Protein backbone atom coordinates (compact mmCIF):
# COMPACT_ATOMS: atom_id res chain seq x y z
CA MET A 1 96.40 68.64 105.53
CA THR A 2 93.16 70.02 104.09
CA ARG A 3 92.59 71.39 100.59
CA PRO A 4 91.52 75.05 100.18
CA ARG A 5 88.26 75.98 98.55
CA PRO A 6 88.70 77.76 95.22
CA LEU A 7 88.00 81.47 95.63
CA THR A 8 88.33 83.73 92.62
CA GLY A 9 87.77 87.06 94.34
CA ARG A 10 85.39 88.06 91.53
CA GLY A 11 82.00 88.90 92.91
CA ASP A 12 78.78 90.51 91.68
CA LEU A 13 79.65 92.40 88.47
CA ALA A 14 77.12 95.09 89.43
CA ASP A 15 79.62 96.39 91.99
CA THR A 16 82.90 96.43 90.13
CA VAL A 17 85.53 99.02 89.32
CA ARG A 18 83.91 99.54 85.89
CA VAL A 19 80.55 100.42 87.44
CA VAL A 20 81.76 102.44 90.43
CA GLY A 21 84.49 104.30 88.54
CA GLU A 22 87.89 105.59 89.61
CA PHE A 23 86.69 108.13 92.15
CA GLY A 24 84.11 105.76 93.57
CA VAL A 25 86.89 103.23 94.16
CA ILE A 26 89.12 105.87 95.72
CA ALA A 27 86.35 106.97 98.06
CA ARG A 28 85.74 103.43 99.25
CA VAL A 29 89.42 102.68 99.72
CA VAL A 30 90.09 105.95 101.55
CA ALA A 31 87.19 105.18 103.90
CA ARG A 32 89.13 102.11 105.06
CA ALA A 33 92.63 103.58 104.96
CA GLY A 34 92.93 104.75 108.56
CA SER A 35 94.94 107.83 109.51
CA ALA A 36 98.67 108.51 109.65
CA ALA A 37 99.99 110.31 112.71
CA ALA A 38 102.52 112.19 110.56
CA ALA A 39 99.97 113.38 107.99
CA GLU A 40 99.23 117.09 107.87
CA VAL A 41 97.21 116.62 104.67
CA GLY A 42 95.87 113.18 103.88
CA PRO A 43 94.13 111.69 100.84
CA GLY A 44 91.91 113.93 98.70
CA ASP A 45 94.27 116.57 97.32
CA ASP A 46 96.88 116.35 94.58
CA ALA A 47 99.44 115.19 97.14
CA ALA A 48 99.68 114.39 100.83
CA VAL A 49 101.74 116.47 103.25
CA LEU A 50 103.66 114.75 106.04
CA ARG A 51 105.49 116.19 109.02
CA VAL A 52 109.17 115.15 109.02
CA PRO A 53 110.61 115.91 112.47
CA ASP A 54 113.94 114.26 111.65
CA GLY A 55 114.39 116.27 108.45
CA ARG A 56 115.12 113.08 106.47
CA VAL A 57 112.72 110.62 104.84
CA VAL A 58 113.24 106.88 104.43
CA ALA A 59 111.61 105.78 101.14
CA THR A 60 111.17 102.32 99.65
CA THR A 61 108.96 100.66 97.01
CA ASP A 62 107.79 97.11 96.36
CA VAL A 63 105.62 95.80 93.54
CA LEU A 64 103.26 92.84 93.99
CA VAL A 65 101.96 91.09 90.88
CA GLU A 66 99.03 88.72 90.97
CA GLY A 67 100.11 85.22 90.08
CA ARG A 68 103.67 85.80 91.26
CA HIS A 69 103.35 87.37 94.72
CA PHE A 70 99.77 86.43 95.58
CA ARG A 71 96.84 84.41 94.30
CA ARG A 72 93.23 85.27 94.99
CA ASP A 73 92.33 81.60 95.39
CA TRP A 74 94.98 81.26 98.12
CA SER A 75 94.69 84.58 99.97
CA SER A 76 91.85 86.85 100.97
CA ALA A 77 91.87 90.53 100.00
CA GLU A 78 92.80 91.39 103.59
CA ASP A 79 95.72 88.94 103.42
CA VAL A 80 97.02 90.65 100.29
CA GLY A 81 96.74 94.05 101.96
CA HIS A 82 98.68 92.86 105.01
CA LYS A 83 101.36 91.28 102.83
CA ALA A 84 101.76 94.32 100.54
CA ALA A 85 102.14 96.65 103.50
CA ALA A 86 104.48 94.35 105.44
CA ALA A 87 106.95 94.01 102.56
CA ASN A 88 107.49 97.77 102.61
CA LEU A 89 107.19 98.48 106.32
CA ALA A 90 109.92 95.90 106.97
CA ASP A 91 112.30 97.71 104.60
CA VAL A 92 111.86 100.91 106.61
CA ALA A 93 112.56 99.02 109.85
CA ALA A 94 115.68 97.52 108.27
CA MET A 95 117.10 101.02 107.87
CA GLY A 96 116.48 101.70 111.56
CA GLY A 97 113.38 103.77 110.88
CA VAL A 98 109.69 103.77 111.76
CA ALA A 99 107.17 103.86 108.91
CA THR A 100 104.93 106.91 108.73
CA ALA A 101 102.86 106.50 105.53
CA LEU A 102 102.18 104.43 102.44
CA LEU A 103 101.45 105.46 98.85
CA VAL A 104 99.70 102.84 96.72
CA GLY A 105 99.55 102.48 92.95
CA LEU A 106 96.91 100.02 91.75
CA ALA A 107 96.36 98.51 88.30
CA CYS A 108 93.38 96.17 88.02
CA PRO A 109 90.85 94.83 85.49
CA ALA A 110 87.60 96.75 85.18
CA ASP A 111 85.62 93.77 86.48
CA THR A 112 87.49 93.68 89.81
CA PRO A 113 84.93 93.74 92.64
CA THR A 114 85.15 96.89 94.71
CA SER A 115 84.67 94.73 97.81
CA TRP A 116 88.01 93.06 97.05
CA LEU A 117 89.80 96.41 96.86
CA GLU A 118 88.15 97.50 100.11
CA GLY A 119 89.48 94.32 101.69
CA VAL A 120 93.01 95.11 100.52
CA ALA A 121 92.68 98.61 101.98
CA ALA A 122 91.45 97.18 105.28
CA GLY A 123 94.40 94.77 105.43
CA MET A 124 96.89 97.55 104.76
CA ALA A 125 95.28 99.74 107.40
CA ALA A 126 95.43 96.97 110.00
CA GLU A 127 99.11 96.28 109.26
CA CYS A 128 100.01 99.97 109.45
CA ALA A 129 97.94 100.97 112.46
CA PRO A 130 100.29 99.75 115.24
CA LEU A 131 103.03 101.95 113.74
CA GLY A 132 100.83 105.04 113.48
CA ALA A 133 101.09 104.85 109.68
CA ALA A 134 98.41 104.71 106.98
CA VAL A 135 97.83 105.02 103.25
CA VAL A 136 97.92 108.74 102.45
CA GLY A 137 97.61 108.68 98.66
CA GLY A 138 98.24 106.85 95.41
CA ASP A 139 96.76 106.19 91.99
CA THR A 140 94.45 103.74 90.24
CA VAL A 141 94.50 102.64 86.61
CA ALA A 142 92.95 99.92 84.46
CA SER A 143 95.34 97.06 83.73
CA ALA A 144 95.95 95.81 80.19
CA PRO A 145 92.77 94.07 78.94
CA ASP A 146 94.65 90.94 77.90
CA SER A 147 96.50 90.47 81.20
CA GLY A 148 93.70 90.36 83.75
CA ALA A 149 96.25 90.64 86.56
CA ILE A 150 96.15 92.97 89.54
CA VAL A 151 99.36 94.88 90.28
CA LEU A 152 100.02 96.73 93.53
CA SER A 153 102.93 99.15 93.78
CA VAL A 154 103.43 100.29 97.36
CA THR A 155 105.80 103.00 98.52
CA ALA A 156 106.54 103.34 102.22
CA LEU A 157 107.90 106.47 103.86
CA GLY A 158 109.55 106.50 107.25
CA ASP A 159 111.27 108.53 109.95
CA LEU A 160 114.71 107.78 111.39
CA GLY A 161 113.98 109.61 114.63
CA GLY A 162 117.44 111.15 114.74
CA ARG A 163 119.26 107.86 114.18
CA ALA A 164 121.88 107.31 111.51
CA PRO A 165 120.51 104.97 108.84
CA VAL A 166 121.81 101.42 109.12
CA LEU A 167 123.19 100.44 105.71
CA ARG A 168 124.11 97.08 104.22
CA SER A 169 127.70 98.19 103.82
CA GLY A 170 128.78 98.56 107.46
CA ALA A 171 129.64 94.98 108.50
CA ARG A 172 133.24 94.45 109.61
CA PRO A 173 135.33 91.38 110.51
CA GLY A 174 134.71 90.45 114.13
CA ASP A 175 131.07 91.53 114.08
CA VAL A 176 128.40 89.05 115.14
CA LEU A 177 125.47 88.14 112.87
CA ALA A 178 122.02 88.15 114.44
CA VAL A 179 118.41 87.69 113.35
CA ALA A 180 115.09 88.99 114.65
CA GLY A 181 111.84 87.34 113.58
CA ARG A 182 111.17 83.96 112.05
CA LEU A 183 112.59 82.26 108.97
CA GLY A 184 111.21 79.56 106.70
CA TRP A 185 107.57 79.84 107.68
CA SER A 186 106.34 81.62 104.55
CA ALA A 187 108.20 79.18 102.29
CA CYS A 188 106.71 76.28 104.24
CA GLY A 189 103.21 77.72 103.82
CA LEU A 190 103.81 78.24 100.11
CA ALA A 191 104.87 74.60 99.77
CA VAL A 192 101.62 73.55 101.43
CA LEU A 193 99.48 75.72 99.15
CA ARG A 194 101.30 74.51 96.04
CA ARG A 195 100.36 70.95 96.97
CA GLY A 196 96.70 72.00 97.12
CA PHE A 197 96.29 71.99 100.91
CA SER A 198 95.43 74.68 103.45
CA SER A 199 96.79 73.24 106.70
CA PRO A 200 98.60 73.37 109.04
CA ILE A 201 97.07 76.80 109.30
CA ALA A 202 100.06 78.28 111.15
CA ALA A 203 102.29 77.69 108.12
CA VAL A 204 99.72 78.85 105.57
CA ALA A 205 98.91 81.95 107.60
CA ALA A 206 102.61 82.83 107.73
CA HIS A 207 102.71 82.91 103.93
CA ARG A 208 99.50 84.90 103.65
CA ARG A 209 100.39 87.43 106.35
CA PRO A 210 104.10 87.85 107.24
CA ALA A 211 104.88 89.07 110.76
CA PRO A 212 107.96 91.31 110.52
CA PRO A 213 109.53 92.41 113.84
CA TYR A 214 109.18 96.13 113.09
CA ALA A 215 110.36 97.39 116.48
CA ALA A 216 113.55 95.32 116.22
CA GLY A 217 114.92 97.58 113.47
CA PRO A 218 115.06 100.84 115.43
CA ALA A 219 116.16 98.88 118.51
CA ALA A 220 119.09 97.43 116.56
CA ALA A 221 120.04 100.88 115.30
CA ASP A 222 119.98 102.24 118.85
CA ALA A 223 122.17 99.30 119.96
CA GLY A 224 124.83 100.11 117.38
CA ALA A 225 124.07 97.69 114.54
CA SER A 226 126.73 98.03 111.85
CA ALA A 227 124.69 96.65 108.92
CA MET A 228 121.11 95.46 108.43
CA CYS A 229 118.57 94.28 105.86
CA ASP A 230 115.25 92.49 105.82
CA VAL A 231 115.06 88.86 104.71
CA SER A 232 112.78 88.97 101.69
CA ASP A 233 114.70 86.69 99.28
CA GLY A 234 116.04 84.13 101.78
CA LEU A 235 118.57 84.14 104.62
CA LEU A 236 121.55 83.04 102.51
CA ALA A 237 120.67 85.36 99.62
CA ASP A 238 120.15 88.40 101.84
CA ALA A 239 123.24 87.63 103.93
CA GLY A 240 124.98 87.69 100.57
CA HIS A 241 123.74 91.23 100.01
CA LEU A 242 125.31 92.29 103.31
CA ALA A 243 128.54 90.45 102.50
CA ASP A 244 128.83 91.96 99.01
CA ALA A 245 128.00 95.50 100.13
CA SER A 246 130.45 95.30 103.06
CA GLY A 247 133.18 93.35 101.28
CA VAL A 248 133.32 90.66 103.99
CA ALA A 249 132.70 86.97 104.52
CA ILE A 250 129.65 86.04 106.58
CA ASP A 251 129.49 82.65 108.28
CA VAL A 252 126.13 81.35 109.51
CA ASP A 253 126.41 78.93 112.43
CA ARG A 254 124.24 76.00 111.38
CA ALA A 255 123.73 74.68 114.92
CA ALA A 256 122.76 78.12 116.24
CA LEU A 257 120.31 78.60 113.36
CA VAL A 258 118.69 75.22 113.98
CA ARG A 259 118.35 75.96 117.71
CA THR A 260 116.79 79.32 116.92
CA MET A 261 114.38 78.34 114.14
CA LEU A 262 113.68 74.60 114.35
CA GLU A 263 113.60 73.79 118.06
CA PRO A 264 111.34 72.67 119.51
CA PRO A 265 109.83 70.83 116.51
CA GLY A 266 106.61 72.29 115.11
CA PRO A 267 104.54 72.76 111.95
CA MET A 268 107.55 73.11 109.64
CA GLN A 269 108.86 69.68 110.59
CA GLN A 270 105.38 68.19 110.20
CA VAL A 271 105.02 69.63 106.70
CA ALA A 272 108.56 68.64 105.76
CA ALA A 273 107.90 65.05 106.83
CA ALA A 274 104.66 64.95 104.83
CA LEU A 275 106.29 66.41 101.71
CA GLY A 276 109.64 64.66 101.99
CA ALA A 277 111.49 67.97 102.36
CA ASP A 278 114.25 69.27 104.63
CA PRO A 279 112.86 72.11 106.80
CA LEU A 280 116.33 73.64 106.94
CA SER A 281 116.00 74.41 103.22
CA TRP A 282 113.08 76.75 104.01
CA VAL A 283 114.95 78.38 106.89
CA LEU A 284 118.08 78.97 104.79
CA THR A 285 116.54 79.97 101.47
CA GLY A 286 112.86 80.76 101.96
CA GLY A 287 111.79 84.37 101.47
CA GLU A 288 108.92 86.66 102.42
CA ASP A 289 109.05 86.21 106.19
CA HIS A 290 110.64 89.67 106.40
CA ALA A 291 112.76 88.84 109.42
CA LEU A 292 115.57 91.31 110.05
CA LEU A 293 119.24 90.36 109.66
CA ALA A 294 121.95 92.53 111.20
CA THR A 295 125.57 92.62 112.25
CA PHE A 296 126.77 94.10 115.54
CA PRO A 297 130.30 95.13 116.56
CA PRO A 298 131.90 92.99 119.29
CA GLY A 299 131.16 95.59 121.96
CA ALA A 300 127.50 96.11 120.96
CA ALA A 301 125.28 93.36 122.31
CA PRO A 302 122.17 92.65 120.19
CA PRO A 303 119.07 93.92 121.99
CA ALA A 304 116.15 91.81 123.18
CA GLY A 305 114.47 89.95 120.35
CA TRP A 306 117.72 89.38 118.46
CA THR A 307 119.57 86.06 118.41
CA VAL A 308 123.18 85.56 117.30
CA ILE A 309 123.42 83.02 114.48
CA GLY A 310 126.92 83.61 113.11
CA GLY A 311 129.68 86.09 112.54
CA VAL A 312 131.70 88.18 110.09
CA ARG A 313 135.28 87.43 109.11
CA ASP A 314 138.01 88.49 106.73
CA GLY A 315 138.16 87.02 103.26
CA ALA A 316 136.57 87.33 99.86
CA ALA A 317 132.97 88.53 100.09
CA GLY A 318 130.58 85.62 100.36
CA VAL A 319 128.36 83.56 102.64
CA PHE A 320 129.20 80.30 104.37
CA VAL A 321 127.31 77.91 106.64
CA SER A 322 129.66 76.57 109.32
CA GLY A 323 132.53 77.00 106.90
CA GLU A 324 130.85 75.51 103.82
CA PRO A 325 129.96 77.71 100.81
CA ALA A 326 126.30 78.74 100.93
CA ALA A 327 125.58 77.45 97.42
CA ASP A 328 126.84 73.97 98.35
CA VAL A 329 124.71 73.88 101.49
CA ALA A 330 121.63 75.03 99.58
CA GLN A 331 122.14 72.16 97.15
CA ALA A 332 122.68 69.69 99.99
CA VAL A 333 119.36 70.54 101.68
CA GLY A 334 117.46 70.35 98.40
CA ALA A 335 116.88 74.05 97.83
CA GLY A 336 118.87 74.35 94.64
CA ARG A 337 119.42 78.09 95.08
CA THR A 338 120.40 80.28 98.00
CA GLY A 339 117.15 82.24 97.69
CA HIS A 340 114.67 83.86 95.35
CA VAL A 341 116.06 85.08 92.03
CA HIS A 342 114.07 87.79 90.26
CA PHE A 343 113.72 87.05 86.53
CA GLY A 344 115.23 83.64 87.24
């Protein structure tokens, strides 16, 4: 594994937010924002105007704080843009919708290079473009002088296309549990970066730029998914959200999960061997891959791209792994917790 070069993201102070000013920053960011297919009025006015054929709007917000969600010495500006967009676009997909636009609130120090902000905008635009979405507005403000941290607050809007929204509360005993996308890769990449290395690149890239299966959300809704969420805090933690909201017990089939995520062996096993870790701990509890997790009634087969990894049964709400309580399994594989705990 190779060590990353330190990159601060702070360039020539002659071209910073302080020098260019709020509207200069906005102009540069808008120039890289791309265009949203649903936008009737884009950036430049007091508000954007979007066409809403369905008559309903899916709305979700995520906040990314420098030092907690990203580091400028680990990720490029474009990486941060991709990651900020993906976290929100995946939430729209998890409702069965397709994202149409993003709104971005930015707080940054006055000495932030404008080139870094342009890079973030370019990353967001690239992540949104395949969906026909784009940044259509937002706000910029100077962060507290003593903090020095950059904060990105991103709101995604989406269209259900006539579908009923897929909620977390619809799982019923007898349903199957299925996943679309990959699990554990971002956590593996984070473990690599925390040790001061930058390879294997496949793992590190997965942490820097998640790859949510956006199309799998609407496809699951069309196939009759009974409940769905994105995996942002970890498989066991987010399965717990489905179980609690639906009042059911969810049992993850350990063997099926291993077949799906850890066979054939690859970078995760290599990193785990080098670090003395269990790769299953990343698969079960690692967040920020933004895979999609859903339940399907017995008569509704999961569509292409979805793999069954467990089922739903009667009993007190909770999550199990082949019959064992999730918390016990998390401890056994060395994770300690079932997933990310905010304010923990």
